[in-house]
Amino acid sequence: NKSFKEATINLSTAYMKNSNYDKALETLKMGMFLDSKNPHIHYNYACYYSLTGQPKRSLEMLKAAIHFGFNKLDQIEIDPDLQKLRQSAGFKTWSLQPRI
């Protein structure tokens, strides 16, 4: 059901796990249309951009996810989908800054 926002989160994750990035992006866009303030959609976008080698955009989406209420900060440190992001200079600088 493409109008069910939680389905877009799970479906985008499944597409990314299968390296189907075109379908993942399509699904994320639908999720953003359905609920642009959902922190999990922003988090999945961060994963998508990290997996596709776009760490700057990944960090932007991760910041948005946190802004909208994503609070599983320990997941950021271990999620394999965010590995390229964690290796970026931008993330290393950002992760050293204190959070309010």
PDB file of N, CA and C in Angstrom:
ATOM      1  N   ASN A   1       0.847  -1.178   0.000  1.00  0.00           N
ATOM      2  CA  ASN A   1       0.000   0.000   0.000  1.00  0.00           C
ATOM      3  C   ASN A   1       0.888   1.235   0.000  1.00  0.00           C
ATOM      4  N   LYS A   2       0.983   1.894  -1.133  1.00  0.00           N
ATOM      5  CA  LYS A   2       1.898   3.025  -1.268  1.00  0.00           C
ATOM      6  C   LYS A   2       1.446   4.269  -0.508  1.00  0.00           C
ATOM      7  N   SER A   3       0.222   4.294  -0.025  1.00  0.00           N
ATOM      8  CA  SER A   3      -0.227   5.450   0.743  1.00  0.00           C
ATOM      9  C   SER A   3      -0.060   5.242   2.249  1.00  0.00           C
ATOM     10  N   PHE A   4       0.514   4.138   2.640  1.00  0.00           N
ATOM     11  CA  PHE A   4       0.751   3.818   4.048  1.00  0.00           C
ATOM     12  C   PHE A   4       2.195   4.195   4.367  1.00  0.00           C
ATOM     13  N   LYS A   5       2.376   5.286   5.112  1.00  0.00           N
ATOM     14  CA  LYS A   5       3.727   5.833   5.302  1.00  0.00           C
ATOM     15  C   LYS A   5       4.705   4.855   5.949  1.00  0.00           C
ATOM     16  N   GLU A   6       4.250   4.046   6.908  1.00  0.00           N
ATOM     17  CA  GLU A   6       5.162   3.086   7.526  1.00  0.00           C
ATOM     18  C   GLU A   6       5.646   2.058   6.511  1.00  0.00           C
ATOM     19  N   ALA A   7       4.795   1.738   5.557  1.00  0.00           N
ATOM     20  CA  ALA A   7       5.198   0.792   4.512  1.00  0.00           C
ATOM     21  C   ALA A   7       6.327   1.368   3.670  1.00  0.00           C
ATOM     22  N   THR A   8       6.306   2.676   3.436  1.00  0.00           N
ATOM     23  CA  THR A   8       7.374   3.270   2.630  1.00  0.00           C
ATOM     24  C   THR A   8       8.712   3.193   3.363  1.00  0.00           C
ATOM     25  N   ILE A   9       8.682   3.292   4.676  1.00  0.00           N
ATOM     26  CA  ILE A   9       9.917   3.190   5.455  1.00  0.00           C
ATOM     27  C   ILE A   9      10.483   1.776   5.333  1.00  0.00           C
ATOM     28  N   ASN A  10       9.650   0.786   5.574  1.00  0.00           N
ATOM     29  CA  ASN A  10      10.105  -0.605   5.505  1.00  0.00           C
ATOM     30  C   ASN A  10      10.493  -1.017   4.090  1.00  0.00           C
ATOM     31  N   LEU A  11       9.714  -0.578   3.115  1.00  0.00           N
ATOM     32  CA  LEU A  11      10.001  -0.941   1.731  1.00  0.00           C
ATOM     33  C   LEU A  11      11.308  -0.306   1.253  1.00  0.00           C
ATOM     34  N   SER A  12      11.541   0.944   1.620  1.00  0.00           N
ATOM     35  CA  SER A  12      12.798   1.584   1.215  1.00  0.00           C
ATOM     36  C   SER A  12      13.992   0.857   1.836  1.00  0.00           C
ATOM     37  N   THR A  13      13.842   0.409   3.074  1.00  0.00           N
ATOM     38  CA  THR A  13      14.909  -0.352   3.734  1.00  0.00           C
ATOM     39  C   THR A  13      15.170  -1.657   2.983  1.00  0.00           C
ATOM     40  N   ALA A  14      14.114  -2.336   2.608  1.00  0.00           N
ATOM     41  CA  ALA A  14      14.264  -3.599   1.873  1.00  0.00           C
ATOM     42  C   ALA A  14      14.950  -3.370   0.530  1.00  0.00           C
ATOM     43  N   TYR A  15      14.565  -2.325  -0.176  1.00  0.00           N
ATOM     44  CA  TYR A  15      15.211  -2.029  -1.464  1.00  0.00           C
ATOM     45  C   TYR A  15      16.698  -1.739  -1.278  1.00  0.00           C
ATOM     46  N   MET A  16      17.041  -0.980  -0.229  1.00  0.00           N
ATOM     47  CA  MET A  16      18.456  -0.674   0.001  1.00  0.00           C
ATOM     48  C   MET A  16      19.236  -1.933   0.357  1.00  0.00           C
ATOM     49  N   LYS A  17      18.638  -2.821   1.150  1.00  0.00           N
ATOM     50  CA  LYS A  17      19.327  -4.069   1.515  1.00  0.00           C
ATOM     51  C   LYS A  17      19.608  -4.928   0.291  1.00  0.00           C
ATOM     52  N   ASN A  18      18.778  -4.772  -0.741  1.00  0.00           N
ATOM     53  CA  ASN A  18      18.970  -5.524  -1.990  1.00  0.00           C
ATOM     54  C   ASN A  18      19.688  -4.704  -3.056  1.00  0.00           C
ATOM     55  N   SER A  19      20.275  -3.580  -2.656  1.00  0.00           N
ATOM     56  CA  SER A  19      21.014  -2.681  -3.555  1.00  0.00           C
ATOM     57  C   SER A  19      20.178  -2.180  -4.724  1.00  0.00           C
ATOM     58  N   ASN A  20      18.873  -2.078  -4.525  1.00  0.00           N
ATOM     59  CA  ASN A  20      17.989  -1.537  -5.557  1.00  0.00           C
ATOM     60  C   ASN A  20      17.747  -0.066  -5.209  1.00  0.00           C
ATOM     61  N   TYR A  21      18.747   0.764  -5.501  1.00  0.00           N
ATOM     62  CA  TYR A  21      18.731   2.150  -5.060  1.00  0.00           C
ATOM     63  C   TYR A  21      17.730   3.007  -5.816  1.00  0.00           C
ATOM     64  N   ASP A  22      17.459   2.684  -7.063  1.00  0.00           N
ATOM     65  CA  ASP A  22      16.443   3.437  -7.801  1.00  0.00           C
ATOM     66  C   ASP A  22      15.076   3.277  -7.152  1.00  0.00           C
ATOM     67  N   LYS A  23      14.715   2.057  -6.821  1.00  0.00           N
ATOM     68  CA  LYS A  23      13.421   1.794  -6.175  1.00  0.00           C
ATOM     69  C   LYS A  23      13.405   2.363  -4.754  1.00  0.00           C
ATOM     70  N   ALA A  24      14.534   2.303  -4.070  1.00  0.00           N
ATOM     71  CA  ALA A  24      14.610   2.871  -2.724  1.00  0.00           C
ATOM     72  C   ALA A  24      14.337   4.371  -2.777  1.00  0.00           C
ATOM     73  N   LEU A  25      14.956   5.060  -3.721  1.00  0.00           N
ATOM     74  CA  LEU A  25      14.758   6.502  -3.853  1.00  0.00           C
ATOM     75  C   LEU A  25      13.307   6.818  -4.208  1.00  0.00           C
ATOM     76  N   GLU A  26      12.741   6.068  -5.113  1.00  0.00           N
ATOM     77  CA  GLU A  26      11.340   6.258  -5.492  1.00  0.00           C
ATOM     78  C   GLU A  26      10.421   6.102  -4.271  1.00  0.00           C
ATOM     79  N   THR A  27      10.689   5.098  -3.472  1.00  0.00           N
ATOM     80  CA  THR A  27       9.884   4.837  -2.281  1.00  0.00           C
ATOM     81  C   THR A  27      10.092   5.922  -1.227  1.00  0.00           C
ATOM     82  N   LEU A  28      11.323   6.381  -1.064  1.00  0.00           N
ATOM     83  CA  LEU A  28      11.593   7.455  -0.109  1.00  0.00           C
ATOM     84  C   LEU A  28      10.887   8.748  -0.513  1.00  0.00           C
ATOM     85  N   LYS A  29      10.872   9.027  -1.785  1.00  0.00           N
ATOM     86  CA  LYS A  29      10.162  10.222  -2.263  1.00  0.00           C
ATOM     87  C   LYS A  29       8.680  10.131  -1.925  1.00  0.00           C
ATOM     88  N   MET A  30       8.107   8.963  -2.081  1.00  0.00           N
ATOM     89  CA  MET A  30       6.698   8.769  -1.731  1.00  0.00           C
ATOM     90  C   MET A  30       6.503   8.954  -0.229  1.00  0.00           C
ATOM     91  N   GLY A  31       7.401   8.405   0.555  1.00  0.00           N
ATOM     92  CA  GLY A  31       7.323   8.565   2.004  1.00  0.00           C
ATOM     93  C   GLY A  31       7.420  10.020   2.422  1.00  0.00           C
ATOM     94  N   MET A  32       8.293  10.762   1.778  1.00  0.00           N
ATOM     95  CA  MET A  32       8.454  12.179   2.088  1.00  0.00           C
ATOM     96  C   MET A  32       7.182  12.949   1.722  1.00  0.00           C
ATOM     97  N   PHE A  33       6.563  12.554   0.624  1.00  0.00           N
ATOM     98  CA  PHE A  33       5.306  13.176   0.212  1.00  0.00           C
ATOM     99  C   PHE A  33       4.207  12.912   1.243  1.00  0.00           C
ATOM    100  N   LEU A  34       4.181  11.698   1.773  1.00  0.00           N
ATOM    101  CA  LEU A  34       3.142  11.308   2.727  1.00  0.00           C
ATOM    102  C   LEU A  34       3.354  11.912   4.119  1.00  0.00           C
ATOM    103  N   ASP A  35       4.618  12.080   4.524  1.00  0.00           N
ATOM    104  CA  ASP A  35       4.899  12.563   5.878  1.00  0.00           C
ATOM    105  C   ASP A  35       6.296  13.169   5.923  1.00  0.00           C
ATOM    106  N   SER A  36       6.400  14.426   5.522  1.00  0.00           N
ATOM    107  CA  SER A  36       7.709  15.073   5.381  1.00  0.00           C
ATOM    108  C   SER A  36       8.415  15.344   6.709  1.00  0.00           C
ATOM    109  N   LYS A  37       7.735  15.117   7.816  1.00  0.00           N
ATOM    110  CA  LYS A  37       8.354  15.349   9.121  1.00  0.00           C
ATOM    111  C   LYS A  37       8.632  14.056   9.879  1.00  0.00           C
ATOM    112  N   ASN A  38       8.504  12.931   9.211  1.00  0.00           N
ATOM    113  CA  ASN A  38       8.755  11.646   9.848  1.00  0.00           C
ATOM    114  C   ASN A  38      10.264  11.425   9.983  1.00  0.00           C
ATOM    115  N   PRO A  39      10.771  11.299  11.200  1.00  0.00           N
ATOM    116  CA  PRO A  39      12.216  11.160  11.371  1.00  0.00           C
ATOM    117  C   PRO A  39      12.789   9.902  10.730  1.00  0.00           C
ATOM    118  N   HIS A  40      11.995   8.845  10.632  1.00  0.00           N
ATOM    119  CA  HIS A  40      12.506   7.594  10.066  1.00  0.00           C
ATOM    120  C   HIS A  40      12.663   7.683   8.553  1.00  0.00           C
ATOM    121  N   ILE A  41      11.850   8.461   7.908  1.00  0.00           N
ATOM    122  CA  ILE A  41      12.028   8.682   6.465  1.00  0.00           C
ATOM    123  C   ILE A  41      13.318   9.454   6.233  1.00  0.00           C
ATOM    124  N   HIS A  42      13.564  10.475   7.043  1.00  0.00           N
ATOM    125  CA  HIS A  42      14.809  11.239   6.920  1.00  0.00           C
ATOM    126  C   HIS A  42      16.016  10.349   7.226  1.00  0.00           C
ATOM    127  N   TYR A  43      15.876   9.501   8.221  1.00  0.00           N
ATOM    128  CA  TYR A  43      16.976   8.580   8.554  1.00  0.00           C
ATOM    129  C   TYR A  43      17.252   7.638   7.379  1.00  0.00           C
ATOM    130  N   ASN A  44      16.202   7.107   6.773  1.00  0.00           N
ATOM    131  CA  ASN A  44      16.396   6.220   5.627  1.00  0.00           C
ATOM    132  C   ASN A  44      17.013   6.960   4.450  1.00  0.00           C
ATOM    133  N   TYR A  45      16.652   8.217   4.275  1.00  0.00           N
ATOM    134  CA  TYR A  45      17.310   9.033   3.246  1.00  0.00           C
ATOM    135  C   TYR A  45      18.802   9.156   3.564  1.00  0.00           C
ATOM    136  N   ALA A  46      19.135   9.356   4.837  1.00  0.00           N
ATOM    137  CA  ALA A  46      20.547   9.437   5.228  1.00  0.00           C
ATOM    138  C   ALA A  46      21.265   8.144   4.861  1.00  0.00           C
ATOM    139  N   CYS A  47      20.610   7.021   5.114  1.00  0.00           N
ATOM    140  CA  CYS A  47      21.191   5.724   4.741  1.00  0.00           C
ATOM    141  C   CYS A  47      21.357   5.626   3.226  1.00  0.00           C
ATOM    142  N   TYR A  48      20.332   6.018   2.492  1.00  0.00           N
ATOM    143  CA  TYR A  48      20.377   5.969   1.025  1.00  0.00           C
ATOM    144  C   TYR A  48      21.568   6.781   0.503  1.00  0.00           C
ATOM    145  N   TYR A  49      21.695   8.016   0.972  1.00  0.00           N
ATOM    146  CA  TYR A  49      22.778   8.870   0.479  1.00  0.00           C
ATOM    147  C   TYR A  49      24.146   8.340   0.892  1.00  0.00           C
ATOM    148  N   SER A  50      24.247   7.754   2.058  1.00  0.00           N
ATOM    149  CA  SER A  50      25.506   7.154   2.471  1.00  0.00           C
ATOM    150  C   SER A  50      25.857   5.967   1.567  1.00  0.00           C
ATOM    151  N   LEU A  51      24.892   5.106   1.350  1.00  0.00           N
ATOM    152  CA  LEU A  51      25.120   3.925   0.515  1.00  0.00           C
ATOM    153  C   LEU A  51      25.474   4.281  -0.927  1.00  0.00           C
ATOM    154  N   THR A  52      24.981   5.419  -1.408  1.00  0.00           N
ATOM    155  CA  THR A  52      25.240   5.820  -2.788  1.00  0.00           C
ATOM    156  C   THR A  52      26.401   6.810  -2.885  1.00  0.00           C
ATOM    157  N   GLY A  53      27.189   6.907  -1.802  1.00  0.00           N
ATOM    158  CA  GLY A  53      28.415   7.704  -1.840  1.00  0.00           C
ATOM    159  C   GLY A  53      28.208   9.205  -1.829  1.00  0.00           C
ATOM    160  N   GLN A  54      27.173   9.659  -1.123  1.00  0.00           N
ATOM    161  CA  GLN A  54      26.886  11.084  -1.029  1.00  0.00           C
ATOM    162  C   GLN A  54      26.857  11.515   0.442  1.00  0.00           C
ATOM    163  N   PRO A  55      28.025  11.518   1.098  1.00  0.00           N
ATOM    164  CA  PRO A  55      28.040  11.759   2.543  1.00  0.00           C
ATOM    165  C   PRO A  55      27.530  13.140   2.958  1.00  0.00           C
ATOM    166  N   LYS A  56      27.743  14.158   2.155  1.00  0.00           N
ATOM    167  CA  LYS A  56      27.271  15.494   2.520  1.00  0.00           C
ATOM    168  C   LYS A  56      25.741  15.507   2.605  1.00  0.00           C
ATOM    169  N   ARG A  57      25.078  14.948   1.619  1.00  0.00           N
ATOM    170  CA  ARG A  57      23.611  14.881   1.628  1.00  0.00           C
ATOM    171  C   ARG A  57      23.126  13.938   2.729  1.00  0.00           C
ATOM    172  N   SER A  58      23.883  12.879   2.967  1.00  0.00           N
ATOM    173  CA  SER A  58      23.543  11.943   4.029  1.00  0.00           C
ATOM    174  C   SER A  58      23.527  12.652   5.379  1.00  0.00           C
ATOM    175  N   LEU A  59      24.545  13.443   5.635  1.00  0.00           N
ATOM    176  CA  LEU A  59      24.621  14.166   6.905  1.00  0.00           C
ATOM    177  C   LEU A  59      23.473  15.160   7.037  1.00  0.00           C
ATOM    178  N   GLU A  60      23.123  15.831   5.957  1.00  0.00           N
ATOM    179  CA  GLU A  60      21.997  16.770   5.986  1.00  0.00           C
ATOM    180  C   GLU A  60      20.714  16.055   6.394  1.00  0.00           C
ATOM    181  N   MET A  61      20.488  14.876   5.833  1.00  0.00           N
ATOM    182  CA  MET A  61      19.274  14.126   6.156  1.00  0.00           C
ATOM    183  C   MET A  61      19.323  13.556   7.568  1.00  0.00           C
ATOM    184  N   LEU A  62      20.495  13.173   8.023  1.00  0.00           N
ATOM    185  CA  LEU A  62      20.632  12.676   9.391  1.00  0.00           C
ATOM    186  C   LEU A  62      20.324  13.795  10.388  1.00  0.00           C
ATOM    187  N   LYS A  63      20.814  14.977  10.113  1.00  0.00           N
ATOM    188  CA  LYS A  63      20.509  16.123  10.972  1.00  0.00           C
ATOM    189  C   LYS A  63      19.010  16.389  10.992  1.00  0.00           C
ATOM    190  N   ALA A  64      18.362  16.297   9.826  1.00  0.00           N
ATOM    191  CA  ALA A  64      16.910  16.494   9.750  1.00  0.00           C
ATOM    192  C   ALA A  64      16.186  15.414  10.546  1.00  0.00           C
ATOM    193  N   ALA A  65      16.654  14.175  10.447  1.00  0.00           N
ATOM    194  CA  ALA A  65      16.029  13.084  11.206  1.00  0.00           C
ATOM    195  C   ALA A  65      16.066  13.381  12.699  1.00  0.00           C
ATOM    196  N   ILE A  66      17.197  13.839  13.181  1.00  0.00           N
ATOM    197  CA  ILE A  66      17.342  14.174  14.605  1.00  0.00           C
ATOM    198  C   ILE A  66      16.453  15.363  14.953  1.00  0.00           C
ATOM    199  N   HIS A  67      16.418  16.346  14.079  1.00  0.00           N
ATOM    200  CA  HIS A  67      15.556  17.515  14.288  1.00  0.00           C
ATOM    201  C   HIS A  67      14.096  17.100  14.456  1.00  0.00           C
ATOM    202  N   PHE A  68      13.657  16.126  13.667  1.00  0.00           N
ATOM    203  CA  PHE A  68      12.265  15.685  13.716  1.00  0.00           C
ATOM    204  C   PHE A  68      12.009  14.602  14.764  1.00  0.00           C
ATOM    205  N   GLY A  69      13.015  14.283  15.562  1.00  0.00           N
ATOM    206  CA  GLY A  69      12.770  13.400  16.694  1.00  0.00           C
ATOM    207  C   GLY A  69      13.464  12.052  16.686  1.00  0.00           C
ATOM    208  N   PHE A  70      14.328  11.782  15.714  1.00  0.00           N
ATOM    209  CA  PHE A  70      15.052  10.517  15.731  1.00  0.00           C
ATOM    210  C   PHE A  70      15.978  10.528  16.941  1.00  0.00           C
ATOM    211  N   ASN A  71      15.836   9.550  17.834  1.00  0.00           N
ATOM    212  CA  ASN A  71      16.606   9.576  19.077  1.00  0.00           C
ATOM    213  C   ASN A  71      17.416   8.305  19.327  1.00  0.00           C
ATOM    214  N   LYS A  72      17.555   7.464  18.336  1.00  0.00           N
ATOM    215  CA  LYS A  72      18.354   6.238  18.492  1.00  0.00           C
ATOM    216  C   LYS A  72      19.799   6.536  18.068  1.00  0.00           C
ATOM    217  N   LEU A  73      20.436   7.405  18.841  1.00  0.00           N
ATOM    218  CA  LEU A  73      21.759   7.885  18.459  1.00  0.00           C
ATOM    219  C   LEU A  73      22.801   6.770  18.421  1.00  0.00           C
ATOM    220  N   ASP A  74      22.632   5.739  19.237  1.00  0.00           N
ATOM    221  CA  ASP A  74      23.564   4.617  19.202  1.00  0.00           C
ATOM    222  C   ASP A  74      23.475   3.870  17.877  1.00  0.00           C
ATOM    223  N   GLN A  75      22.317   3.882  17.246  1.00  0.00           N
ATOM    224  CA  GLN A  75      22.141   3.219  15.952  1.00  0.00           C
ATOM    225  C   GLN A  75      22.986   3.890  14.875  1.00  0.00           C
ATOM    226  N   ILE A  76      23.145   5.189  14.972  1.00  0.00           N
ATOM    227  CA  ILE A  76      23.947   5.930  13.994  1.00  0.00           C
ATOM    228  C   ILE A  76      25.383   5.410  13.986  1.00  0.00           C
ATOM    229  N   GLU A  77      25.882   5.038  15.151  1.00  0.00           N
ATOM    230  CA  GLU A  77      27.272   4.586  15.282  1.00  0.00           C
ATOM    231  C   GLU A  77      27.505   3.163  14.795  1.00  0.00           C
ATOM    232  N   ILE A  78      26.449   2.365  14.658  1.00  0.00           N
ATOM    233  CA  ILE A  78      26.645   0.961  14.279  1.00  0.00           C
ATOM    234  C   ILE A  78      25.954   0.552  12.977  1.00  0.00           C
ATOM    235  N   ASP A  79      25.068   1.384  12.461  1.00  0.00           N
ATOM    236  CA  ASP A  79      24.324   1.027  11.253  1.00  0.00           C
ATOM    237  C   ASP A  79      25.294   0.894  10.077  1.00  0.00           C
ATOM    238  N   PRO A  80      25.394  -0.290   9.467  1.00  0.00           N
ATOM    239  CA  PRO A  80      26.323  -0.465   8.348  1.00  0.00           C
ATOM    240  C   PRO A  80      25.961   0.405   7.143  1.00  0.00           C
ATOM    241  N   ASP A  81      24.708   0.786   7.015  1.00  0.00           N
ATOM    242  CA  ASP A  81      24.309   1.648   5.902  1.00  0.00           C
ATOM    243  C   ASP A  81      24.919   3.039   6.007  1.00  0.00           C
ATOM    244  N   LEU A  82      25.334   3.431   7.198  1.00  0.00           N
ATOM    245  CA  LEU A  82      25.918   4.764   7.405  1.00  0.00           C
ATOM    246  C   LEU A  82      27.445   4.734   7.460  1.00  0.00           C
ATOM    247  N   GLN A  83      28.037   3.617   7.075  1.00  0.00           N
ATOM    248  CA  GLN A  83      29.493   3.487   7.158  1.00  0.00           C
ATOM    249  C   GLN A  83      30.220   4.576   6.367  1.00  0.00           C
ATOM    250  N   LYS A  84      29.820   4.816   5.128  1.00  0.00           N
ATOM    251  CA  LYS A  84      30.486   5.850   4.319  1.00  0.00           C
ATOM    252  C   LYS A  84      30.298   7.229   4.941  1.00  0.00           C
ATOM    253  N   LEU A  85      29.143   7.473   5.526  1.00  0.00           N
ATOM    254  CA  LEU A  85      28.916   8.751   6.191  1.00  0.00           C
ATOM    255  C   LEU A  85      29.868   8.897   7.371  1.00  0.00           C
ATOM    256  N   ARG A  86      29.951   7.873   8.210  1.00  0.00           N
ATOM    257  CA  ARG A  86      30.807   7.954   9.406  1.00  0.00           C
ATOM    258  C   ARG A  86      32.273   8.160   9.046  1.00  0.00           C
ATOM    259  N   GLN A  87      32.674   7.751   7.862  1.00  0.00           N
ATOM    260  CA  GLN A  87      34.066   7.905   7.435  1.00  0.00           C
ATOM    261  C   GLN A  87      34.353   9.300   6.880  1.00  0.00           C
ATOM    262  N   SER A  88      33.315  10.088   6.659  1.00  0.00           N
ATOM    263  CA  SER A  88      33.498  11.406   6.041  1.00  0.00           C
ATOM    264  C   SER A  88      33.983  12.432   7.069  1.00  0.00           C
ATOM    265  N   ALA A  89      34.734  13.404   6.573  1.00  0.00           N
ATOM    266  CA  ALA A  89      35.242  14.472   7.435  1.00  0.00           C
ATOM    267  C   ALA A  89      34.087  15.280   8.032  1.00  0.00           C
ATOM    268  N   GLY A  90      33.052  15.508   7.243  1.00  0.00           N
ATOM    269  CA  GLY A  90      31.907  16.271   7.733  1.00  0.00           C
ATOM    270  C   GLY A  90      31.247  15.612   8.926  1.00  0.00           C
ATOM    271  N   PHE A  91      31.087  14.304   8.874  1.00  0.00           N
ATOM    272  CA  PHE A  91      30.481  13.583   9.992  1.00  0.00           C
ATOM    273  C   PHE A  91      31.391  13.633  11.214  1.00  0.00           C
ATOM    274  N   LYS A  92      32.675  13.436  11.002  1.00  0.00           N
ATOM    275  CA  LYS A  92      33.604  13.425  12.131  1.00  0.00           C
ATOM    276  C   LYS A  92      33.598  14.771  12.848  1.00  0.00           C
ATOM    277  N   THR A  93      33.551  15.852  12.104  1.00  0.00           N
ATOM    278  CA  THR A  93      33.482  17.188  12.706  1.00  0.00           C
ATOM    279  C   THR A  93      32.160  17.368  13.431  1.00  0.00           C
ATOM    280  N   TRP A  94      31.070  16.983  12.779  1.00  0.00           N
ATOM    281  CA  TRP A  94      29.732  17.134  13.357  1.00  0.00           C
ATOM    282  C   TRP A  94      29.567  16.274  14.606  1.00  0.00           C
ATOM    283  N   SER A  95      30.071  15.054  14.570  1.00  0.00           N
ATOM    284  CA  SER A  95      29.852  14.142  15.705  1.00  0.00           C
ATOM    285  C   SER A  95      30.628  14.561  16.949  1.00  0.00           C
ATOM    286  N   LEU A  96      31.614  15.407  16.790  1.00  0.00           N
ATOM    287  CA  LEU A  96      32.372  15.898  17.939  1.00  0.00           C
ATOM    288  C   LEU A  96      31.686  17.084  18.621  1.00  0.00           C
ATOM    289  N   GLN A  97      30.704  17.675  17.939  1.00  0.00           N
ATOM    290  CA  GLN A  97      30.016  18.832  18.501  1.00  0.00           C
ATOM    291  C   GLN A  97      28.995  18.373  19.540  1.00  0.00           C
ATOM    292  N   PRO A  98      28.861  19.145  20.614  1.00  0.00           N
ATOM    293  CA  PRO A  98      27.862  18.773  21.628  1.00  0.00           C
ATOM    294  C   PRO A  98      26.453  18.944  21.098  1.00  0.00           C
ATOM    295  N   ARG A  99      25.547  18.073  21.523  1.00  0.00           N
ATOM    296  CA  ARG A  99      24.133  18.126  21.134  1.00  0.00           C
ATOM    297  C   ARG A  99      23.331  18.831  22.229  1.00  0.00           C
ATOM    298  N   ILE A 100      22.360  19.578  21.811  1.00  0.00           N
ATOM    299  CA  ILE A 100      21.481  20.262  22.769  1.00  0.00           C
ATOM    300  C   ILE A 100      20.196  19.475  22.898  1.00  0.00           C
TER     301      ILE A 100
END
